[in-house]
Amino acid sequence: MRLDEYRIMWIFVFFDLPTDTKKDRWNHSRFRKALIKDGFNMFQFSIYTRHCMSRENSEVHIKRVKSVLPPKGHVGIMRITDKQFGEIEIFYGKKKDENKTPPPQQLELF
């Protein structure tokens, strides 16, 4: 099957979890560590991304995220194509960072 920018997917996980009590902080940490263990990388604070080679592969990782959802807080999951991800413009301050090299494309080997 041909791999192209419309088949390759990116998963975004957005979360806003309470950290008021020791138990809340434990749940927050457990959720974050589960994302990292599953191959997610921090895009911004409380936003993690993961590269997937297909829609089917992304569904597996979304199921894993759903299996470790914390009891409190808000979690959002968004899936976009590699083409859409490539259209993201990132700004640092008011100006677009022209000197920043784009991140290398992540490859998965089986």
PDB file of N, CA and C in Angstrom:
ATOM      1  N   MET A   1       0.842  -1.176   0.000  1.00  0.00           N
ATOM      2  CA  MET A   1       0.000   0.000   0.000  1.00  0.00           C
ATOM      3  C   MET A   1       0.892   1.246   0.000  1.00  0.00           C
ATOM      4  N   ARG A   2       0.543   2.198  -0.817  1.00  0.00           N
ATOM      5  CA  ARG A   2       1.344   3.399  -0.970  1.00  0.00           C
ATOM      6  C   ARG A   2       1.232   4.313   0.259  1.00  0.00           C
ATOM      7  N   LEU A   3       2.370   4.749   0.769  1.00  0.00           N
ATOM      8  CA  LEU A   3       2.371   5.689   1.890  1.00  0.00           C
ATOM      9  C   LEU A   3       2.437   7.097   1.324  1.00  0.00           C
ATOM     10  N   ASP A   4       1.507   7.921   1.708  1.00  0.00           N
ATOM     11  CA  ASP A   4       1.537   9.308   1.272  1.00  0.00           C
ATOM     12  C   ASP A   4       1.058  10.209   2.401  1.00  0.00           C
ATOM     13  N   GLU A   5       1.100  11.507   2.140  1.00  0.00           N
ATOM     14  CA  GLU A   5       0.791  12.475   3.185  1.00  0.00           C
ATOM     15  C   GLU A   5      -0.688  12.505   3.570  1.00  0.00           C
ATOM     16  N   TYR A   6      -1.529  11.815   2.818  1.00  0.00           N
ATOM     17  CA  TYR A   6      -2.947  11.741   3.175  1.00  0.00           C
ATOM     18  C   TYR A   6      -3.268  10.469   3.954  1.00  0.00           C
ATOM     19  N   ARG A   7      -2.387   9.480   3.907  1.00  0.00           N
ATOM     20  CA  ARG A   7      -2.603   8.231   4.631  1.00  0.00           C
ATOM     21  C   ARG A   7      -1.918   8.264   6.003  1.00  0.00           C
ATOM     22  N   ILE A   8      -0.744   8.864   6.079  1.00  0.00           N
ATOM     23  CA  ILE A   8      -0.008   8.967   7.338  1.00  0.00           C
ATOM     24  C   ILE A   8      -0.772   9.908   8.273  1.00  0.00           C
ATOM     25  N   MET A   9      -0.891   9.522   9.536  1.00  0.00           N
ATOM     26  CA  MET A   9      -1.703  10.275  10.490  1.00  0.00           C
ATOM     27  C   MET A   9      -0.862  10.783  11.669  1.00  0.00           C
ATOM     28  N   TRP A  10      -1.334  11.842  12.275  1.00  0.00           N
ATOM     29  CA  TRP A  10      -0.784  12.375  13.520  1.00  0.00           C
ATOM     30  C   TRP A  10      -1.918  12.406  14.535  1.00  0.00           C
ATOM     31  N   ILE A  11      -1.616  12.007  15.752  1.00  0.00           N
ATOM     32  CA  ILE A  11      -2.593  12.074  16.844  1.00  0.00           C
ATOM     33  C   ILE A  11      -2.157  13.180  17.792  1.00  0.00           C
ATOM     34  N   PHE A  12      -3.085  14.041  18.147  1.00  0.00           N
ATOM     35  CA  PHE A  12      -2.872  15.058  19.174  1.00  0.00           C
ATOM     36  C   PHE A  12      -3.710  14.685  20.380  1.00  0.00           C
ATOM     37  N   VAL A  13      -3.106  14.720  21.569  1.00  0.00           N
ATOM     38  CA  VAL A  13      -3.844  14.523  22.817  1.00  0.00           C
ATOM     39  C   VAL A  13      -3.697  15.809  23.625  1.00  0.00           C
ATOM     40  N   PHE A  14      -4.823  16.438  23.904  1.00  0.00           N
ATOM     41  CA  PHE A  14      -4.867  17.671  24.690  1.00  0.00           C
ATOM     42  C   PHE A  14      -5.460  17.320  26.048  1.00  0.00           C
ATOM     43  N   PHE A  15      -4.849  17.795  27.112  1.00  0.00           N
ATOM     44  CA  PHE A  15      -5.445  17.491  28.413  1.00  0.00           C
ATOM     45  C   PHE A  15      -5.267  18.630  29.392  1.00  0.00           C
ATOM     46  N   ASP A  16      -6.257  18.741  30.258  1.00  0.00           N
ATOM     47  CA  ASP A  16      -6.266  19.709  31.353  1.00  0.00           C
ATOM     48  C   ASP A  16      -6.713  18.927  32.580  1.00  0.00           C
ATOM     49  N   LEU A  17      -5.755  18.522  33.388  1.00  0.00           N
ATOM     50  CA  LEU A  17      -6.039  17.667  34.528  1.00  0.00           C
ATOM     51  C   LEU A  17      -5.773  18.414  35.833  1.00  0.00           C
ATOM     52  N   PRO A  18      -6.593  18.162  36.851  1.00  0.00           N
ATOM     53  CA  PRO A  18      -6.377  18.835  38.133  1.00  0.00           C
ATOM     54  C   PRO A  18      -5.107  18.320  38.815  1.00  0.00           C
ATOM     55  N   THR A  19      -4.481  19.200  39.586  1.00  0.00           N
ATOM     56  CA  THR A  19      -3.279  18.829  40.349  1.00  0.00           C
ATOM     57  C   THR A  19      -3.397  19.345  41.789  1.00  0.00           C
ATOM     58  N   ASP A  20      -4.630  19.446  42.283  1.00  0.00           N
ATOM     59  CA  ASP A  20      -4.870  20.008  43.614  1.00  0.00           C
ATOM     60  C   ASP A  20      -4.421  19.086  44.740  1.00  0.00           C
ATOM     61  N   THR A  21      -4.733  17.815  44.627  1.00  0.00           N
ATOM     62  CA  THR A  21      -4.396  16.875  45.696  1.00  0.00           C
ATOM     63  C   THR A  21      -3.264  15.952  45.255  1.00  0.00           C
ATOM     64  N   LYS A  22      -2.744  15.212  46.220  1.00  0.00           N
ATOM     65  CA  LYS A  22      -1.678  14.260  45.911  1.00  0.00           C
ATOM     66  C   LYS A  22      -2.178  13.196  44.925  1.00  0.00           C
ATOM     67  N   LYS A  23      -3.412  12.740  45.095  1.00  0.00           N
ATOM     68  CA  LYS A  23      -4.007  11.749  44.197  1.00  0.00           C
ATOM     69  C   LYS A  23      -4.169  12.316  42.788  1.00  0.00           C
ATOM     70  N   ASP A  24      -4.577  13.597  42.681  1.00  0.00           N
ATOM     71  CA  ASP A  24      -4.708  14.250  41.376  1.00  0.00           C
ATOM     72  C   ASP A  24      -3.358  14.327  40.666  1.00  0.00           C
ATOM     73  N   ARG A  25      -2.322  14.702  41.418  1.00  0.00           N
ATOM     74  CA  ARG A  25      -0.977  14.785  40.827  1.00  0.00           C
ATOM     75  C   ARG A  25      -0.498  13.416  40.378  1.00  0.00           C
ATOM     76  N   TRP A  26      -0.836  12.378  41.145  1.00  0.00           N
ATOM     77  CA  TRP A  26      -0.460  11.019  40.780  1.00  0.00           C
ATOM     78  C   TRP A  26      -1.159  10.608  39.476  1.00  0.00           C
ATOM     79  N   ASN A  27      -2.463  10.910  39.361  1.00  0.00           N
ATOM     80  CA  ASN A  27      -3.216  10.590  38.144  1.00  0.00           C
ATOM     81  C   ASN A  27      -2.668  11.349  36.937  1.00  0.00           C
ATOM     82  N   HIS A  28      -2.312  12.614  37.139  1.00  0.00           N
ATOM     83  CA  HIS A  28      -1.735  13.430  36.064  1.00  0.00           C
ATOM     84  C   HIS A  28      -0.419  12.815  35.595  1.00  0.00           C
ATOM     85  N   SER A  29       0.428  12.476  36.527  1.00  0.00           N
ATOM     86  CA  SER A  29       1.730  11.893  36.205  1.00  0.00           C
ATOM     87  C   SER A  29       1.585  10.537  35.520  1.00  0.00           C
ATOM     88  N   ARG A  30       0.672   9.715  36.013  1.00  0.00           N
ATOM     89  CA  ARG A  30       0.442   8.393  35.423  1.00  0.00           C
ATOM     90  C   ARG A  30      -0.029   8.518  33.976  1.00  0.00           C
ATOM     91  N   PHE A  31      -0.939   9.445  33.719  1.00  0.00           N
ATOM     92  CA  PHE A  31      -1.460   9.645  32.364  1.00  0.00           C
ATOM     93  C   PHE A  31      -0.355  10.131  31.422  1.00  0.00           C
ATOM     94  N   ARG A  32       0.405  11.120  31.875  1.00  0.00           N
ATOM     95  CA  ARG A  32       1.495  11.668  31.063  1.00  0.00           C
ATOM     96  C   ARG A  32       2.544  10.605  30.752  1.00  0.00           C
ATOM     97  N   LYS A  33       2.925   9.810  31.753  1.00  0.00           N
ATOM     98  CA  LYS A  33       3.917   8.745  31.548  1.00  0.00           C
ATOM     99  C   LYS A  33       3.396   7.664  30.600  1.00  0.00           C
ATOM    100  N   ALA A  34       2.087   7.385  30.651  1.00  0.00           N
ATOM    101  CA  ALA A  34       1.504   6.398  29.734  1.00  0.00           C
ATOM    102  C   ALA A  34       1.579   6.900  28.293  1.00  0.00           C
ATOM    103  N   LEU A  35       1.355   8.205  28.093  1.00  0.00           N
ATOM    104  CA  LEU A  35       1.476   8.775  26.751  1.00  0.00           C
ATOM    105  C   LEU A  35       2.909   8.633  26.236  1.00  0.00           C
ATOM    106  N   ILE A  36       3.866   8.980  27.070  1.00  0.00           N
ATOM    107  CA  ILE A  36       5.279   8.905  26.680  1.00  0.00           C
ATOM    108  C   ILE A  36       5.673   7.463  26.383  1.00  0.00           C
ATOM    109  N   LYS A  37       5.209   6.535  27.208  1.00  0.00           N
ATOM    110  CA  LYS A  37       5.523   5.117  26.999  1.00  0.00           C
ATOM    111  C   LYS A  37       4.962   4.615  25.668  1.00  0.00           C
ATOM    112  N   ASP A  38       3.842   5.177  25.239  1.00  0.00           N
ATOM    113  CA  ASP A  38       3.226   4.773  23.974  1.00  0.00           C
ATOM    114  C   ASP A  38       3.801   5.528  22.773  1.00  0.00           C
ATOM    115  N   GLY A  39       4.833   6.320  22.983  1.00  0.00           N
ATOM    116  CA  GLY A  39       5.509   6.975  21.868  1.00  0.00           C
ATOM    117  C   GLY A  39       5.079   8.392  21.572  1.00  0.00           C
ATOM    118  N   PHE A  40       4.297   8.996  22.454  1.00  0.00           N
ATOM    119  CA  PHE A  40       3.898  10.385  22.263  1.00  0.00           C
ATOM    120  C   PHE A  40       5.038  11.312  22.688  1.00  0.00           C
ATOM    121  N   ASN A  41       5.110  12.468  22.031  1.00  0.00           N
ATOM    122  CA  ASN A  41       6.099  13.492  22.365  1.00  0.00           C
ATOM    123  C   ASN A  41       5.380  14.790  22.715  1.00  0.00           C
ATOM    124  N   MET A  42       5.966  15.548  23.645  1.00  0.00           N
ATOM    125  CA  MET A  42       5.353  16.802  24.055  1.00  0.00           C
ATOM    126  C   MET A  42       5.479  17.827  22.931  1.00  0.00           C
ATOM    127  N   PHE A  43       4.352  18.379  22.504  1.00  0.00           N
ATOM    128  CA  PHE A  43       4.309  19.439  21.505  1.00  0.00           C
ATOM    129  C   PHE A  43       4.305  20.789  22.220  1.00  0.00           C
ATOM    130  N   GLN A  44       3.482  20.905  23.240  1.00  0.00           N
ATOM    131  CA  GLN A  44       3.438  22.030  24.169  1.00  0.00           C
ATOM    132  C   GLN A  44       3.018  21.430  25.504  1.00  0.00           C
ATOM    133  N   PHE A  45       3.025  22.235  26.561  1.00  0.00           N
ATOM    134  CA  PHE A  45       2.551  21.726  27.837  1.00  0.00           C
ATOM    135  C   PHE A  45       1.121  21.218  27.658  1.00  0.00           C
ATOM    136  N   SER A  46       0.861  20.025  28.088  1.00  0.00           N
ATOM    137  CA  SER A  46      -0.455  19.388  28.031  1.00  0.00           C
ATOM    138  C   SER A  46      -0.950  19.113  26.611  1.00  0.00           C
ATOM    139  N   ILE A  47      -0.060  19.130  25.631  1.00  0.00           N
ATOM    140  CA  ILE A  47      -0.391  18.717  24.269  1.00  0.00           C
ATOM    141  C   ILE A  47       0.695  17.755  23.808  1.00  0.00           C
ATOM    142  N   TYR A  48       0.300  16.543  23.515  1.00  0.00           N
ATOM    143  CA  TYR A  48       1.246  15.515  23.080  1.00  0.00           C
ATOM    144  C   TYR A  48       0.846  15.008  21.700  1.00  0.00           C
ATOM    145  N   THR A  49       1.848  14.672  20.877  1.00  0.00           N
ATOM    146  CA  THR A  49       1.597  14.201  19.517  1.00  0.00           C
ATOM    147  C   THR A  49       2.261  12.853  19.291  1.00  0.00           C
ATOM    148  N   ARG A  50       1.701  12.120  18.331  1.00  0.00           N
ATOM    149  CA  ARG A  50       2.301  10.843  17.934  1.00  0.00           C
ATOM    150  C   ARG A  50       2.091  10.651  16.442  1.00  0.00           C
ATOM    151  N   HIS A  51       3.140  10.221  15.767  1.00  0.00           N
ATOM    152  CA  HIS A  51       3.126   9.921  14.338  1.00  0.00           C
ATOM    153  C   HIS A  51       2.671   8.480  14.147  1.00  0.00           C
ATOM    154  N   CYS A  52       1.759   8.245  13.218  1.00  0.00           N
ATOM    155  CA  CYS A  52       1.273   6.889  12.920  1.00  0.00           C
ATOM    156  C   CYS A  52       1.310   6.678  11.410  1.00  0.00           C
ATOM    157  N   MET A  53       1.658   5.495  11.000  1.00  0.00           N
ATOM    158  CA  MET A  53       1.816   5.207   9.577  1.00  0.00           C
ATOM    159  C   MET A  53       0.481   5.034   8.840  1.00  0.00           C
ATOM    160  N   SER A  54      -0.618   4.834   9.564  1.00  0.00           N
ATOM    161  CA  SER A  54      -1.909   4.655   8.906  1.00  0.00           C
ATOM    162  C   SER A  54      -3.031   5.000   9.876  1.00  0.00           C
ATOM    163  N   ARG A  55      -4.231   5.102   9.332  1.00  0.00           N
ATOM    164  CA  ARG A  55      -5.412   5.358  10.169  1.00  0.00           C
ATOM    165  C   ARG A  55      -5.638   4.190  11.125  1.00  0.00           C
ATOM    166  N   GLU A  56      -5.440   2.984  10.628  1.00  0.00           N
ATOM    167  CA  GLU A  56      -5.629   1.795  11.453  1.00  0.00           C
ATOM    168  C   GLU A  56      -4.658   1.796  12.640  1.00  0.00           C
ATOM    169  N   ASN A  57      -3.397   2.164  12.371  1.00  0.00           N
ATOM    170  CA  ASN A  57      -2.388   2.239  13.429  1.00  0.00           C
ATOM    171  C   ASN A  57      -2.765   3.321  14.446  1.00  0.00           C
ATOM    172  N   SER A  58      -3.305   4.431  13.966  1.00  0.00           N
ATOM    173  CA  SER A  58      -3.691   5.510  14.880  1.00  0.00           C
ATOM    174  C   SER A  58      -4.845   5.064  15.793  1.00  0.00           C
ATOM    175  N   GLU A  59      -5.740   4.229  15.278  1.00  0.00           N
ATOM    176  CA  GLU A  59      -6.847   3.745  16.098  1.00  0.00           C
ATOM    177  C   GLU A  59      -6.349   2.908  17.275  1.00  0.00           C
ATOM    178  N   VAL A  60      -5.285   2.140  17.059  1.00  0.00           N
ATOM    179  CA  VAL A  60      -4.690   1.344  18.137  1.00  0.00           C
ATOM    180  C   VAL A  60      -4.196   2.263  19.255  1.00  0.00           C
ATOM    181  N   HIS A  61      -3.505   3.331  18.883  1.00  0.00           N
ATOM    182  CA  HIS A  61      -2.949   4.242  19.888  1.00  0.00           C
ATOM    183  C   HIS A  61      -4.039   5.071  20.570  1.00  0.00           C
ATOM    184  N   ILE A  62      -5.080   5.399  19.843  1.00  0.00           N
ATOM    185  CA  ILE A  62      -6.197   6.117  20.463  1.00  0.00           C
ATOM    186  C   ILE A  62      -6.878   5.226  21.499  1.00  0.00           C
ATOM    187  N   LYS A  63      -7.027   3.940  21.193  1.00  0.00           N
ATOM    188  CA  LYS A  63      -7.606   3.004  22.176  1.00  0.00           C
ATOM    189  C   LYS A  63      -6.736   2.939  23.428  1.00  0.00           C
ATOM    190  N   ARG A  64      -5.411   2.970  23.251  1.00  0.00           N
ATOM    191  CA  ARG A  64      -4.512   2.937  24.416  1.00  0.00           C
ATOM    192  C   ARG A  64      -4.684   4.181  25.269  1.00  0.00           C
ATOM    193  N   VAL A  65      -4.822   5.340  24.627  1.00  0.00           N
ATOM    194  CA  VAL A  65      -5.035   6.577  25.385  1.00  0.00           C
ATOM    195  C   VAL A  65      -6.341   6.477  26.168  1.00  0.00           C
ATOM    196  N   LYS A  66      -7.388   5.998  25.512  1.00  0.00           N
ATOM    197  CA  LYS A  66      -8.688   5.877  26.179  1.00  0.00           C
ATOM    198  C   LYS A  66      -8.636   4.905  27.354  1.00  0.00           C
ATOM    199  N   SER A  67      -7.757   3.919  27.272  1.00  0.00           N
ATOM    200  CA  SER A  67      -7.678   2.926  28.351  1.00  0.00           C
ATOM    201  C   SER A  67      -6.998   3.470  29.608  1.00  0.00           C
ATOM    202  N   VAL A  68      -6.282   4.584  29.515  1.00  0.00           N
ATOM    203  CA  VAL A  68      -5.588   5.147  30.679  1.00  0.00           C
ATOM    204  C   VAL A  68      -6.134   6.524  31.063  1.00  0.00           C
ATOM    205  N   LEU A  69      -7.352   6.850  30.619  1.00  0.00           N
ATOM    206  CA  LEU A  69      -7.929   8.154  30.950  1.00  0.00           C
ATOM    207  C   LEU A  69      -8.043   8.323  32.464  1.00  0.00           C
ATOM    208  N   PRO A  70      -7.653   9.481  32.984  1.00  0.00           N
ATOM    209  CA  PRO A  70      -7.764   9.723  34.427  1.00  0.00           C
ATOM    210  C   PRO A  70      -9.227   9.952  34.823  1.00  0.00           C
ATOM    211  N   PRO A  71      -9.548   9.760  36.112  1.00  0.00           N
ATOM    212  CA  PRO A  71     -10.933   9.898  36.558  1.00  0.00           C
ATOM    213  C   PRO A  71     -11.458  11.331  36.523  1.00  0.00           C
ATOM    214  N   LYS A  72     -10.588  12.324  36.600  1.00  0.00           N
ATOM    215  CA  LYS A  72     -11.013  13.734  36.590  1.00  0.00           C
ATOM    216  C   LYS A  72     -10.272  14.481  35.490  1.00  0.00           C
ATOM    217  N   GLY A  73     -10.818  15.629  35.102  1.00  0.00           N
ATOM    218  CA  GLY A  73     -10.162  16.486  34.120  1.00  0.00           C
ATOM    219  C   GLY A  73     -10.749  16.325  32.728  1.00  0.00           C
ATOM    220  N   HIS A  74     -10.126  17.002  31.775  1.00  0.00           N
ATOM    221  CA  HIS A  74     -10.586  17.006  30.386  1.00  0.00           C
ATOM    222  C   HIS A  74      -9.470  16.500  29.492  1.00  0.00           C
ATOM    223  N   VAL A  75      -9.823  15.595  28.586  1.00  0.00           N
ATOM    224  CA  VAL A  75      -8.856  15.058  27.615  1.00  0.00           C
ATOM    225  C   VAL A  75      -9.521  15.111  26.252  1.00  0.00           C
ATOM    226  N   GLY A  76      -8.791  15.643  25.263  1.00  0.00           N
ATOM    227  CA  GLY A  76      -9.271  15.667  23.884  1.00  0.00           C
ATOM    228  C   GLY A  76      -8.281  14.930  23.000  1.00  0.00           C
ATOM    229  N   ILE A  77      -8.812  14.228  21.998  1.00  0.00           N
ATOM    230  CA  ILE A  77      -7.973  13.501  21.054  1.00  0.00           C
ATOM    231  C   ILE A  77      -8.351  13.963  19.654  1.00  0.00           C
ATOM    232  N   MET A  78      -7.352  14.345  18.863  1.00  0.00           N
ATOM    233  CA  MET A  78      -7.589  14.783  17.498  1.00  0.00           C
ATOM    234  C   MET A  78      -6.632  14.036  16.573  1.00  0.00           C
ATOM    235  N   ARG A  79      -7.151  13.591  15.438  1.00  0.00           N
ATOM    236  CA  ARG A  79      -6.332  12.886  14.450  1.00  0.00           C
ATOM    237  C   ARG A  79      -6.335  13.722  13.172  1.00  0.00           C
ATOM    238  N   ILE A  80      -5.143  13.979  12.621  1.00  0.00           N
ATOM    239  CA  ILE A  80      -5.038  14.730  11.372  1.00  0.00           C
ATOM    240  C   ILE A  80      -4.068  14.009  10.442  1.00  0.00           C
ATOM    241  N   THR A  81      -4.152  14.340   9.160  1.00  0.00           N
ATOM    242  CA  THR A  81      -3.240  13.736   8.190  1.00  0.00           C
ATOM    243  C   THR A  81      -1.876  14.413   8.257  1.00  0.00           C
ATOM    244  N   ASP A  82      -0.883  13.754   7.686  1.00  0.00           N
ATOM    245  CA  ASP A  82       0.460  14.323   7.626  1.00  0.00           C
ATOM    246  C   ASP A  82       0.457  15.616   6.802  1.00  0.00           C
ATOM    247  N   LYS A  83      -0.376  15.671   5.782  1.00  0.00           N
ATOM    248  CA  LYS A  83      -0.503  16.875   4.956  1.00  0.00           C
ATOM    249  C   LYS A  83      -0.987  18.047   5.807  1.00  0.00           C
ATOM    250  N   GLN A  84      -2.000  17.810   6.637  1.00  0.00           N
ATOM    251  CA  GLN A  84      -2.518  18.862   7.513  1.00  0.00           C
ATOM    252  C   GLN A  84      -1.472  19.273   8.541  1.00  0.00           C
ATOM    253  N   PHE A  85      -0.753  18.288   9.082  1.00  0.00           N
ATOM    254  CA  PHE A  85       0.289  18.582  10.066  1.00  0.00           C
ATOM    255  C   PHE A  85       1.368  19.466   9.451  1.00  0.00           C
ATOM    256  N   GLY A  86       1.695  19.204   8.197  1.00  0.00           N
ATOM    257  CA  GLY A  86       2.712  19.993   7.509  1.00  0.00           C
ATOM    258  C   GLY A  86       2.315  21.441   7.290  1.00  0.00           C
ATOM    259  N   GLU A  87       1.029  21.745   7.385  1.00  0.00           N
ATOM    260  CA  GLU A  87       0.540  23.106   7.195  1.00  0.00           C
ATOM    261  C   GLU A  87       0.558  23.938   8.482  1.00  0.00           C
ATOM    262  N   ILE A  88       0.934  23.329   9.601  1.00  0.00           N
ATOM    263  CA  ILE A  88       0.967  24.049  10.870  1.00  0.00           C
ATOM    264  C   ILE A  88       2.050  25.130  10.819  1.00  0.00           C
ATOM    265  N   GLU A  89       1.681  26.325  11.220  1.00  0.00           N
ATOM    266  CA  GLU A  89       2.649  27.416  11.344  1.00  0.00           C
ATOM    267  C   GLU A  89       2.919  27.612  12.824  1.00  0.00           C
ATOM    268  N   ILE A  90       4.187  27.604  13.206  1.00  0.00           N
ATOM    269  CA  ILE A  90       4.565  27.749  14.603  1.00  0.00           C
ATOM    270  C   ILE A  90       5.247  29.095  14.788  1.00  0.00           C
ATOM    271  N   PHE A  91       4.802  29.854  15.779  1.00  0.00           N
ATOM    272  CA  PHE A  91       5.342  31.165  16.072  1.00  0.00           C
ATOM    273  C   PHE A  91       5.909  31.176  17.484  1.00  0.00           C
ATOM    274  N   TYR A  92       6.987  31.870  17.667  1.00  0.00           N
ATOM    275  CA  TYR A  92       7.604  32.083  18.983  1.00  0.00           C
ATOM    276  C   TYR A  92       7.606  33.580  19.191  1.00  0.00           C
ATOM    277  N   GLY A  93       6.746  34.060  20.063  1.00  0.00           N
ATOM    278  CA  GLY A  93       6.582  35.494  20.205  1.00  0.00           C
ATOM    279  C   GLY A  93       5.702  36.001  19.075  1.00  0.00           C
ATOM    280  N   LYS A  94       6.007  37.166  18.526  1.00  0.00           N
ATOM    281  CA  LYS A  94       5.168  37.744  17.476  1.00  0.00           C
ATOM    282  C   LYS A  94       5.630  37.373  16.072  1.00  0.00           C
ATOM    283  N   LYS A  95       6.888  36.970  15.922  1.00  0.00           N
ATOM    284  CA  LYS A  95       7.414  36.678  14.598  1.00  0.00           C
ATOM    285  C   LYS A  95       7.484  35.180  14.361  1.00  0.00           C
ATOM    286  N   LYS A  96       7.300  34.787  13.113  1.00  0.00           N
ATOM    287  CA  LYS A  96       7.470  33.393  12.727  1.00  0.00           C
ATOM    288  C   LYS A  96       8.957  33.078  12.799  1.00  0.00           C
ATOM    289  N   ASP A  97       9.316  31.948  13.374  1.00  0.00           N
ATOM    290  CA  ASP A  97      10.725  31.562  13.520  1.00  0.00           C
ATOM    291  C   ASP A  97      11.218  31.001  12.182  1.00  0.00           C
ATOM    292  N   GLU A  98      11.841  31.855  11.368  1.00  0.00           N
ATOM    293  CA  GLU A  98      12.315  31.468  10.033  1.00  0.00           C
ATOM    294  C   GLU A  98      13.582  30.615  10.095  1.00  0.00           C
ATOM    295  N   ASN A  99      14.373  30.760  11.145  1.00  0.00           N
ATOM    296  CA  ASN A  99      15.653  30.041  11.242  1.00  0.00           C
ATOM    297  C   ASN A  99      15.486  28.624  11.775  1.00  0.00           C
ATOM    298  N   LYS A 100      14.342  28.323  12.308  1.00  0.00           N
ATOM    299  CA  LYS A 100      14.107  27.015  12.904  1.00  0.00           C
ATOM    300  C   LYS A 100      13.948  25.978  11.795  1.00  0.00           C
ATOM    301  N   THR A 101      14.744  24.942  11.857  1.00  0.00           N
ATOM    302  CA  THR A 101      14.617  23.875  10.869  1.00  0.00           C
ATOM    303  C   THR A 101      13.433  22.995  11.236  1.00  0.00           C
ATOM    304  N   PRO A 102      12.689  22.510  10.243  1.00  0.00           N
ATOM    305  CA  PRO A 102      11.547  21.656  10.567  1.00  0.00           C
ATOM    306  C   PRO A 102      12.003  20.354  11.188  1.00  0.00           C
ATOM    307  N   PRO A 103      11.169  19.786  12.063  1.00  0.00           N
ATOM    308  CA  PRO A 103      11.566  18.513  12.698  1.00  0.00           C
ATOM    309  C   PRO A 103      11.658  17.416  11.646  1.00  0.00           C
ATOM    310  N   PRO A 104      12.574  16.491  11.819  1.00  0.00           N
ATOM    311  CA  PRO A 104      12.682  15.413  10.843  1.00  0.00           C
ATOM    312  C   PRO A 104      11.447  14.526  10.901  1.00  0.00           C
ATOM    313  N   GLN A 105      11.122  13.926   9.756  1.00  0.00           N
ATOM    314  CA  GLN A 105       9.974  13.031   9.714  1.00  0.00           C
ATOM    315  C   GLN A 105      10.308  11.782  10.505  1.00  0.00           C
ATOM    316  N   GLN A 106       9.431  11.428  11.398  1.00  0.00           N
ATOM    317  CA  GLN A 106       9.649  10.254  12.241  1.00  0.00           C
ATOM    318  C   GLN A 106       9.314   9.010  11.435  1.00  0.00           C
ATOM    319  N   LEU A 107      10.185   8.029  11.467  1.00  0.00           N
ATOM    320  CA  LEU A 107       9.953   6.784  10.767  1.00  0.00           C
ATOM    321  C   LEU A 107       9.803   5.653  11.761  1.00  0.00           C
ATOM    322  N   GLU A 108       8.967   4.701  11.433  1.00  0.00           N
ATOM    323  CA  GLU A 108       8.804   3.531  12.270  1.00  0.00           C
ATOM    324  C   GLU A 108       9.316   2.320  11.494  1.00  0.00           C
ATOM    325  N   LEU A 109      10.112   1.510  12.134  1.00  0.00           N
ATOM    326  CA  LEU A 109      10.611   0.303  11.510  1.00  0.00           C
ATOM    327  C   LEU A 109       9.984  -0.894  12.178  1.00  0.00           C
ATOM    328  N   PHE A 110       9.595  -1.839  11.388  1.00  0.00           N
ATOM    329  CA  PHE A 110       8.934  -3.024  11.939  1.00  0.00           C
ATOM    330  C   PHE A 110       9.830  -4.214  11.822  1.00  0.00           C
TER     331      PHE A 110
END
